[in-house]
C-alpha atoms as a PDB file:
ATOM      1  CA  MET A   1     115.567 102.521 219.600  1.00  0.00           C
ATOM      2  CA  LEU A   2     115.989 100.246 216.587  1.00  0.00           C
ATOM      3  CA  ILE A   3     113.159 100.555 214.092  1.00  0.00           C
ATOM      4  CA  LEU A   4     112.609  97.111 212.673  1.00  0.00           C
ATOM      5  CA  PRO A   5     111.917  96.729 208.948  1.00  0.00           C
ATOM      6  CA  PHE A   6     108.738  94.839 209.420  1.00  0.00           C
ATOM      7  CA  SER A   7     105.482  94.864 211.263  1.00  0.00           C
ATOM      8  CA  LEU A   8     105.106  92.736 214.366  1.00  0.00           C
ATOM      9  CA  CYS A   9     101.390  92.382 213.836  1.00  0.00           C
ATOM     10  CA  VAL A  10      99.401  90.078 216.090  1.00  0.00           C
ATOM     11  CA  ARG A  11      96.231  88.562 214.746  1.00  0.00           C
ATOM     12  CA  VAL A  12      93.892  87.201 217.439  1.00  0.00           C
ATOM     13  CA  ALA A  13      93.292  83.548 216.758  1.00  0.00           C
ATOM     14  CA  VAL A  14      89.603  83.283 217.447  1.00  0.00           C
ATOM     15  CA  LYS A  15      88.820  85.898 214.793  1.00  0.00           C
ATOM     16  CA  PHE A  16      90.334  83.838 212.005  1.00  0.00           C
ATOM     17  CA  ARG A  17      88.648  81.315 209.784  1.00  0.00           C
ATOM     18  CA  ARG A  18      90.887  78.448 208.708  1.00  0.00           C
ATOM     19  CA  VAL A  19      90.509  78.086 204.965  1.00  0.00           C
ATOM     20  CA  SER A  20      92.125  74.753 204.093  1.00  0.00           C
ATOM     21  CA  ARG A  21      94.309  71.867 205.116  1.00  0.00           C
ATOM     22  CA  LEU A  22      98.000  72.493 204.644  1.00  0.00           C
ATOM     23  CA  CYS A  23     100.529  70.339 202.849  1.00  0.00           C
ATOM     24  CA  SER A  24     103.637  68.763 204.307  1.00  0.00           C
ATOM     25  CA  VAL A  25     106.982  70.565 204.303  1.00  0.00           C
ATOM     26  CA  HIS A  26     110.373  69.324 203.141  1.00  0.00           C
ATOM     27  CA  HIS A  27     113.160  70.306 205.539  1.00  0.00           C
ATOM     28  CA  SER A  28     116.364  69.942 203.535  1.00  0.00           C
ATOM     29  CA  SER A  29     117.537  73.385 204.653  1.00  0.00           C
ATOM     30  CA  MET A  30     115.296  74.088 207.641  1.00  0.00           C
ATOM     31  CA  THR A  31     116.529  72.848 211.007  1.00  0.00           C
ATOM     32  CA  SER A  32     114.613  73.170 214.258  1.00  0.00           C
ATOM     33  CA  SER A  33     117.294  75.323 215.898  1.00  0.00           C
ATOM     34  CA  ARG A  34     117.085  77.899 213.089  1.00  0.00           C
ATOM     35  CA  ILE A  35     113.316  78.458 213.146  1.00  0.00           C
ATOM     36  CA  VAL A  36     111.383  79.918 216.076  1.00  0.00           C
ATOM     37  CA  VAL A  37     107.594  80.112 216.028  1.00  0.00           C
ATOM     38  CA  MET A  38     106.259  82.611 218.553  1.00  0.00           C
ATOM     39  CA  SER A  39     102.628  83.006 219.427  1.00  0.00           C
ATOM     40  CA  GLY A  40     100.444  84.674 222.015  1.00  0.00           C
ATOM     41  CA  PRO A  41      97.414  86.931 222.394  1.00  0.00           C
ATOM     42  CA  SER A  42      97.539  90.590 221.486  1.00  0.00           C
ATOM     43  CA  GLY A  43      98.577  92.620 224.504  1.00  0.00           C
ATOM     44  CA  GLY A  44     100.687  89.833 225.979  1.00  0.00           C
ATOM     45  CA  GLY A  45     104.019  91.504 225.183  1.00  0.00           C
ATOM     46  CA  LYS A  46     105.196  89.128 222.464  1.00  0.00           C
ATOM     47  CA  SER A  47     106.046  91.880 219.994  1.00  0.00           C
ATOM     48  CA  THR A  48     108.077  93.725 222.616  1.00  0.00           C
ATOM     49  CA  LEU A  49     110.073  90.581 223.400  1.00  0.00           C
ATOM     50  CA  ILE A  50     110.784  89.976 219.714  1.00  0.00           C
ATOM     51  CA  THR A  51     111.895  93.594 219.315  1.00  0.00           C
ATOM     52  CA  LYS A  52     114.329  93.221 222.217  1.00  0.00           C
ATOM     53  CA  LEU A  53     115.830  90.112 220.571  1.00  0.00           C
ATOM     54  CA  PHE A  54     116.477  92.027 217.363  1.00  0.00           C
ATOM     55  CA  GLU A  55     117.956  94.955 219.268  1.00  0.00           C
ATOM     56  CA  GLU A  56     120.426  92.795 221.211  1.00  0.00           C
ATOM     57  CA  PHE A  57     121.241  90.352 218.394  1.00  0.00           C
ATOM     58  CA  PRO A  58     120.664  92.257 215.130  1.00  0.00           C
ATOM     59  CA  ASP A  59     122.774  89.839 213.070  1.00  0.00           C
ATOM     60  CA  ALA A  60     121.289  86.646 214.470  1.00  0.00           C
ATOM     61  CA  PHE A  61     117.626  86.901 213.553  1.00  0.00           C
ATOM     62  CA  ALA A  62     115.455  87.586 210.525  1.00  0.00           C
ATOM     63  CA  PHE A  63     111.705  88.016 210.440  1.00  0.00           C
ATOM     64  CA  SER A  64     109.483  86.177 207.977  1.00  0.00           C
ATOM     65  CA  VAL A  65     107.248  88.726 206.242  1.00  0.00           C
ATOM     66  CA  SER A  66     103.730  87.417 205.673  1.00  0.00           C
ATOM     67  CA  HIS A  67     101.694  87.663 202.467  1.00  0.00           C
ATOM     68  CA  THR A  68      98.318  89.381 202.436  1.00  0.00           C
ATOM     69  CA  THR A  69      95.633  90.355 199.952  1.00  0.00           C
ATOM     70  CA  ARG A  70      94.634  93.518 201.827  1.00  0.00           C
ATOM     71  CA  ASN A  71      95.663  96.919 200.524  1.00  0.00           C
ATOM     72  CA  PRO A  72      98.675  98.682 202.096  1.00  0.00           C
ATOM     73  CA  ARG A  73      97.838 101.200 204.786  1.00  0.00           C
ATOM     74  CA  PRO A  74      99.415 104.664 204.831  1.00  0.00           C
ATOM     75  CA  GLY A  75     103.135 104.313 205.544  1.00  0.00           C
ATOM     76  CA  GLU A  76     103.297 100.612 204.671  1.00  0.00           C
ATOM     77  CA  SER A  77     105.370  99.305 201.777  1.00  0.00           C
ATOM     78  CA  ASP A  78     105.539  96.010 199.941  1.00  0.00           C
ATOM     79  CA  GLY A  79     108.029  93.551 201.416  1.00  0.00           C
ATOM     80  CA  LYS A  80     108.366  95.460 204.667  1.00  0.00           C
ATOM     81  CA  GLU A  81     105.213  95.163 206.724  1.00  0.00           C
ATOM     82  CA  TYR A  82     103.726  92.542 204.394  1.00  0.00           C
ATOM     83  CA  ASN A  83     104.141  91.112 200.930  1.00  0.00           C
ATOM     84  CA  PHE A  84     101.043  92.633 199.330  1.00  0.00           C
ATOM     85  CA  VAL A  85      99.570  90.463 196.571  1.00  0.00           C
ATOM     86  CA  THR A  86      96.298  90.146 194.697  1.00  0.00           C
ATOM     87  CA  ARG A  87      93.764  87.494 195.660  1.00  0.00           C
ATOM     88  CA  PRO A  88      94.379  85.521 192.415  1.00  0.00           C
ATOM     89  CA  THR A  89      98.115  85.507 193.152  1.00  0.00           C
ATOM     90  CA  PHE A  90      97.503  84.369 196.728  1.00  0.00           C
ATOM     91  CA  GLU A  91      95.094  81.662 195.590  1.00  0.00           C
ATOM     92  CA  LYS A  92      97.631  80.412 193.049  1.00  0.00           C
ATOM     93  CA  MET A  93     100.195  80.147 195.855  1.00  0.00           C
ATOM     94  CA  ILE A  94      97.669  78.071 197.778  1.00  0.00           C
ATOM     95  CA  ASP A  95      97.171  75.795 194.766  1.00  0.00           C
ATOM     96  CA  ASP A  96     100.958  75.509 194.434  1.00  0.00           C
ATOM     97  CA  LYS A  97     101.187  74.569 198.128  1.00  0.00           C
ATOM     98  CA  GLY A  98     103.303  77.630 198.805  1.00  0.00           C
ATOM     99  CA  PHE A  99     102.117  78.343 202.349  1.00  0.00           C
ATOM    100  CA  LEU A 100     102.914  76.841 205.718  1.00  0.00           C
ATOM    101  CA  GLU A 101      99.656  78.307 206.986  1.00  0.00           C
ATOM    102  CA  TYR A 102      97.078  80.794 205.816  1.00  0.00           C
ATOM    103  CA  ALA A 103      93.830  82.248 207.049  1.00  0.00           C
ATOM    104  CA  GLU A 104      91.119  84.727 206.126  1.00  0.00           C
ATOM    105  CA  PHE A 105      90.297  87.718 208.315  1.00  0.00           C
ATOM    106  CA  SER A 106      87.780  90.456 207.503  1.00  0.00           C
ATOM    107  CA  GLY A 107      87.690  89.410 203.871  1.00  0.00           C
ATOM    108  CA  ASN A 108      91.478  89.413 203.405  1.00  0.00           C
ATOM    109  CA  LEU A 109      93.854  86.460 203.190  1.00  0.00           C
ATOM    110  CA  TYR A 110      97.054  86.247 205.262  1.00  0.00           C
ATOM    111  CA  GLY A 111      99.715  83.566 205.009  1.00  0.00           C
ATOM    112  CA  THR A 112     103.248  82.450 205.871  1.00  0.00           C
ATOM    113  CA  SER A 113     105.061  81.320 202.735  1.00  0.00           C
ATOM    114  CA  LYS A 114     107.447  78.380 202.704  1.00  0.00           C
ATOM    115  CA  LYS A 115     109.874  80.236 200.446  1.00  0.00           C
ATOM    116  CA  SER A 116     110.246  83.124 202.899  1.00  0.00           C
ATOM    117  CA  VAL A 117     111.140  80.743 205.724  1.00  0.00           C
ATOM    118  CA  GLU A 118     113.463  78.679 203.546  1.00  0.00           C
ATOM    119  CA  ASN A 119     115.335  81.763 202.323  1.00  0.00           C
ATOM    120  CA  ILE A 120     116.004  82.910 205.887  1.00  0.00           C
ATOM    121  CA  ALA A 121     117.076  79.444 206.990  1.00  0.00           C
ATOM    122  CA  GLN A 122     119.501  79.206 204.051  1.00  0.00           C
ATOM    123  CA  SER A 123     120.983  82.600 204.966  1.00  0.00           C
ATOM    124  CA  GLY A 124     122.177  81.102 208.241  1.00  0.00           C
ATOM    125  CA  LYS A 125     120.054  83.345 210.425  1.00  0.00           C
ATOM    126  CA  ILE A 126     117.414  82.246 212.910  1.00  0.00           C
ATOM    127  CA  CYS A 127     113.979  82.736 211.366  1.00  0.00           C
ATOM    128  CA  ILE A 128     111.311  84.249 213.618  1.00  0.00           C
ATOM    129  CA  LEU A 129     107.681  83.520 212.797  1.00  0.00           C
ATOM    130  CA  ASP A 130     105.029  85.597 214.577  1.00  0.00           C
ATOM    131  CA  VAL A 131     101.952  83.414 214.182  1.00  0.00           C
ATOM    132  CA  GLU A 132      98.403  83.579 215.506  1.00  0.00           C
ATOM    133  CA  ILE A 133      97.295  80.752 217.776  1.00  0.00           C
ATOM    134  CA  ASN A 134      95.358  78.632 215.278  1.00  0.00           C
ATOM    135  CA  GLY A 135      98.182  79.135 212.784  1.00  0.00           C
ATOM    136  CA  VAL A 136     100.567  77.306 215.122  1.00  0.00           C
ATOM    137  CA  LYS A 137      98.408  74.197 214.956  1.00  0.00           C
ATOM    138  CA  SER A 138      98.375  74.360 211.157  1.00  0.00           C
ATOM    139  CA  ILE A 139     102.148  74.847 210.950  1.00  0.00           C
ATOM    140  CA  LYS A 140     102.727  71.836 213.182  1.00  0.00           C
ATOM    141  CA  GLN A 141     100.349  69.798 211.035  1.00  0.00           C
ATOM    142  CA  ALA A 142     102.355  70.896 208.001  1.00  0.00           C
ATOM    143  CA  GLY A 143     105.409  69.285 209.607  1.00  0.00           C
ATOM    144  CA  LEU A 144     107.640  72.286 210.221  1.00  0.00           C
ATOM    145  CA  LYS A 145     110.282  71.439 212.807  1.00  0.00           C
ATOM    146  CA  ALA A 146     110.893  74.500 214.965  1.00  0.00           C
ATOM    147  CA  ARG A 147     110.990  75.808 218.502  1.00  0.00           C
ATOM    148  CA  TYR A 148     107.438  76.740 219.463  1.00  0.00           C
ATOM    149  CA  ILE A 149     107.168  79.446 222.120  1.00  0.00           C
ATOM    150  CA  PHE A 150     103.996  80.858 223.647  1.00  0.00           C
ATOM    151  CA  VAL A 151     104.030  84.229 225.420  1.00  0.00           C
ATOM    152  CA  LYS A 152     101.288  84.323 228.012  1.00  0.00           C
ATOM    153  CA  PRO A 153     100.071  87.550 229.655  1.00  0.00           C
ATOM    154  CA  PRO A 154      99.925  87.620 233.468  1.00  0.00           C
ATOM    155  CA  SER A 155      96.162  87.141 233.462  1.00  0.00           C
ATOM    156  CA  LEU A 156      94.073  85.759 230.637  1.00  0.00           C
ATOM    157  CA  GLU A 157      91.062  87.365 232.302  1.00  0.00           C
ATOM    158  CA  LEU A 158      92.302  90.594 230.728  1.00  0.00           C
ATOM    159  CA  LEU A 159      91.964  88.966 227.303  1.00  0.00           C
ATOM    160  CA  PRO A 160      88.678  87.038 227.392  1.00  0.00           C
ATOM    161  CA  THR A 161      88.431  86.768 223.593  1.00  0.00           C
ATOM    162  CA  VAL A 162      91.348  84.344 223.389  1.00  0.00           C
ATOM    163  CA  THR A 163      90.613  82.166 226.411  1.00  0.00           C
ATOM    164  CA  GLU A 164      88.711  79.512 224.447  1.00  0.00           C
ATOM    165  CA  ALA A 165      91.361  79.295 221.741  1.00  0.00           C
ATOM    166  CA  LEU A 166      94.106  78.951 224.329  1.00  0.00           C
ATOM    167  CA  ALA A 167      92.250  76.234 226.187  1.00  0.00           C
ATOM    168  CA  THR A 168      92.093  74.084 223.054  1.00  0.00           C
ATOM    169  CA  SER A 169      95.435  74.869 221.398  1.00  0.00           C
ATOM    170  CA  LEU A 170      97.967  75.394 224.192  1.00  0.00           C
ATOM    171  CA  PRO A 171      98.346  71.860 225.622  1.00  0.00           C
ATOM    172  CA  GLY A 172     101.061  70.055 223.687  1.00  0.00           C
ATOM    173  CA  SER A 173     101.385  72.734 221.016  1.00  0.00           C
ATOM    174  CA  TYR A 174     104.385  74.584 222.452  1.00  0.00           C
ATOM    175  CA  ASP A 175     107.867  73.662 223.612  1.00  0.00           C
ATOM    176  CA  HIS A 176     108.033  76.625 225.988  1.00  0.00           C
ATOM    177  CA  VAL A 177     105.514  78.900 227.711  1.00  0.00           C
ATOM    178  CA  ILE A 178     106.756  82.259 228.982  1.00  0.00           C
ATOM    179  CA  VAL A 179     104.523  84.107 231.445  1.00  0.00           C
ATOM    180  CA  ASN A 180     105.132  87.798 230.886  1.00  0.00           C
ATOM    181  CA  ASN A 181     104.611  89.069 234.434  1.00  0.00           C
ATOM    182  CA  GLU A 182     107.646  91.339 234.158  1.00  0.00           C
ATOM    183  CA  LEU A 183     109.269  92.263 230.850  1.00  0.00           C
ATOM    184  CA  GLU A 184     112.935  91.870 231.801  1.00  0.00           C
ATOM    185  CA  ILE A 185     112.348  88.515 233.483  1.00  0.00           C
ATOM    186  CA  ALA A 186     110.322  87.269 230.523  1.00  0.00           C
ATOM    187  CA  TYR A 187     113.030  88.443 228.120  1.00  0.00           C
ATOM    188  CA  SER A 188     115.700  86.718 230.177  1.00  0.00           C
ATOM    189  CA  LYS A 189     113.723  83.472 229.876  1.00  0.00           C
ATOM    190  CA  LEU A 190     113.308  83.906 226.128  1.00  0.00           C
ATOM    191  CA  LYS A 191     116.999  84.629 225.651  1.00  0.00           C
ATOM    192  CA  GLY A 192     117.855  81.615 227.793  1.00  0.00           C
ATOM    193  CA  ILE A 193     115.819  79.381 225.487  1.00  0.00           C
ATOM    194  CA  LEU A 194     117.584  80.681 222.374  1.00  0.00           C
ATOM    195  CA  ILE A 195     121.094  81.539 223.582  1.00  0.00           C
ATOM    196  CA  ALA A 196     122.663  78.186 222.619  1.00  0.00           C
ATOM    197  CA  ASP A 197     121.362  78.585 219.070  1.00  0.00           C
ATOM    198  CA  ILE A 198     122.618  82.189 218.963  1.00  0.00           C
ATOM    199  CA  HIS A 199     126.093  81.155 220.093  1.00  0.00           C
ATOM    200  CA  GLN A 200     126.185  78.303 217.554  1.00  0.00           C
ATOM    201  CA  LEU A 201     125.187  80.693 214.788  1.00  0.00           C
ATOM    202  CA  GLN A 202     127.942  83.105 215.810  1.00  0.00           C
ATOM    203  CA  LYS A 203     130.493  80.273 215.837  1.00  0.00           C
ATOM    204  CA  ASP A 204     129.369  79.136 212.387  1.00  0.00           C
ATOM    205  CA  LYS A 205     129.837  82.655 211.028  1.00  0.00           C
ATOM    206  CA  MET A 206     133.331  82.893 212.508  1.00  0.00           C
ATOM    207  CA  LYS A 207     134.322  79.555 210.949  1.00  0.00           C
ATOM    208  CA  ALA A 208     132.981  80.686 207.584  1.00  0.00           C
ATOM    209  CA  LYS A 209     135.297  83.717 207.687  1.00  0.00           C
ATOM    210  CA  GLU A 210     138.400  81.615 208.407  1.00  0.00           C
END
């Protein structure tokens, strides 16, 4: 199995405290077909679906590594699981409007930087953002044009802590909702949503080599 160079961490939306309004985003190099925002409750299978995408199309996707002020855990390294920064550095990035979204959880700040997304988009790969539910609303408010995909577990009764957040954020927030009743079927649906973009990316790379 491919070991991905990043952590597919899921942060449950209702546990986060939104810490500020987010600024608008300029999209000179970021097109909607090259950015995919995926969201869903922990335990819904989203991370497994993302892993399968990277295994089947290793040259098509890149994962945006989030910034955090928490300390690395054993086995984690800077730039792999997270970009580990100090709180003053993170707060300066906020002042400089460097984040698409950010939140505070258990005393630590987490955020998705604009530069990380822009760098991936400029590389020609499809950028995958794994974002908690409230973060999706903030990213949309920031103006990022992307494909927004929600991975829903078979029964939300199994995940009562996210039911309220889903009820308020799901309608109108996502372009696609995938119900993960069966992994292979759910993955087939996800691949079907993205396959045209994958093929276009592959064609672009072939033309660039000519």
